């Protein structure tokens, strides 16, 4: 925006988030360079939501402000400016004076404008231990931060008590974080009145900007989460180093390994093909188990919603609008997390723009885990309301680790120690080989418990107790391994509450579902019905509808010789039988399957 005033043009940048970040970084750099340690310490406490957290060095600040030429010129001056703030003020002052009174020298004359008072302040303050070498690009890194936060005297403690009374709200969550629960370390909400006047603008992701200059499309998820009603109940805890270590051990069996790129790039983004707009797209192999689980819960909401009616408009399911499918996703995530939290609590893992701890020893930060805020809900309605408002920002948005965030949320909802106790072997890990989902991980998302098997209840093998699901679930599971006699899928999974099944075929997970709930309890409806199949990884571009004609009802039992003949005939055609048909027949034995002109998936 520009306007004319006093015969010269003034250009204004109206990006308030850019201005806020720039101003914060300039102030911190100025205070650090001047050695104003106590002032910087108080500034950081009062400015608890640090939008400039990723501008940690002067070189990044100069790059961010795009003043490389001015800065290089400043180095050639006899008395160069020590801070970027002084440099900018001098430069723009000279520029305005030139516009007002004619040509003048630019940067060369800046050095002469410093007062003797400012020079004396420089000489005194730079005796501090917070000095940044003029010849080097001084970074406000972890070491500097530790030097800034020195041992506080009694007077400082009194100041801190006053500061702690203020509402320190995150720009993203609008959550007050003053009180600390002594039992579990969670911080509680007391008031959020300051959030009412907060702007709706999305601050852009500065970490992404610095690594990919010119892009302002991606935003950090702590930057614009919607306001909460004052009656909402929640608590917030920043992830600590010990928790992050235990989380990584649970997932990978060690603290060295982390998620591969296939996981990092995966979000909960929907397909835009006709009749497949309900489907979540999988970019690469690996996280299919997580995606199949949340796909199932999303379908549950789209098909059956708040009631069990099955006469919905098919167009509202298969060609669902963006707003409605995001709402279904949010409600599906709510159900999944609430189940993991034993139906009385849930935790949402929300990334922020600032790491809560640095790399330490063998543990290397991954740019995501160490930034998490763990938001705990003890009321289902509050959880669902929160996710409906923020699902796109937390899970659908590109470059936001949406799939990992969902998995983390499920883990923290269940709690790490309970998950270890759920598994047959406490040394098991949730991540399988090659970055594939283990059965424990999928069971956690379907059943709410990370049991290691798919048969009903428990089974003893010598002195080892093997555990499976202990009740029916909303979502079921069918496995190709049962066809090969490698496992037994129990009735809890084969006959879920809703006709939606996760299909386990080799190391891949996909989804099979019906629009008619009665096929689970009415043999007449089960005699002939339709199933729909969706695989987010298969680059599916058309709807796959299978018509199932079950022969399990009133079927004549074949003789011994009939079985021999049938098996020999099946052996000849074995290589031509689609694996999906084999999976379907583990529930509907000997069923005839019509692909309805769709090419069978072999």
Foldseek 3Di string as FASTA:
>chain_A
DWDDDPHDIDDDDPPVLLVVLLVLVQVLQVCLQLQVLVVNVVVCLLLVQRSNQVVFWPVLSCVSVVPVVLVVVLVPEPQRDRGPVLSVVLQVVQVVVCSVPNDDDGSNCSRVPDDPVVVVSSVVNCVHPSHDDSVDTDTNDPVSVVVSPDDDDPVVVVVVVVSLVDFDAQQQALFGFRAADPPPGWGWGDFRVVNPPRDQDFNFQVVCCSVPPPDRPHGANRNHQDYDDGPFTKTKDQDDPVNLQLQCCQAPVGQQDDADPQLQFAFQAADQFALRRLAGARDDPFLQLLRQLLSLQLLCCQQANPHRDLPDDSCCRRVNDPLSSQLSSLVSLLVQQCLLLVNFKFKFWGFDSHFPDAADDSHHDDNTSRRTMIMMHRDSVSSSVSCSRRVCSQGVDGSRSNSVRSLVRLDVSNDSVQQCVQEQHSSDHQADPPNFGAQLSSCCRFRSHSFRAQAEAWDDDPPGIHGHRPAATQEAEFELVVLVVNHDHYPSRLQHQFFKYWYHYPRHTWIKGFSDRCCSPDVVDVQKGKIWTDDSHPPDNDTWIKIKHAQPPPHDDDDPVVVVVVVVVCVVCVVVDASVVSRVCSNRPPIDMDRPPDDGDD
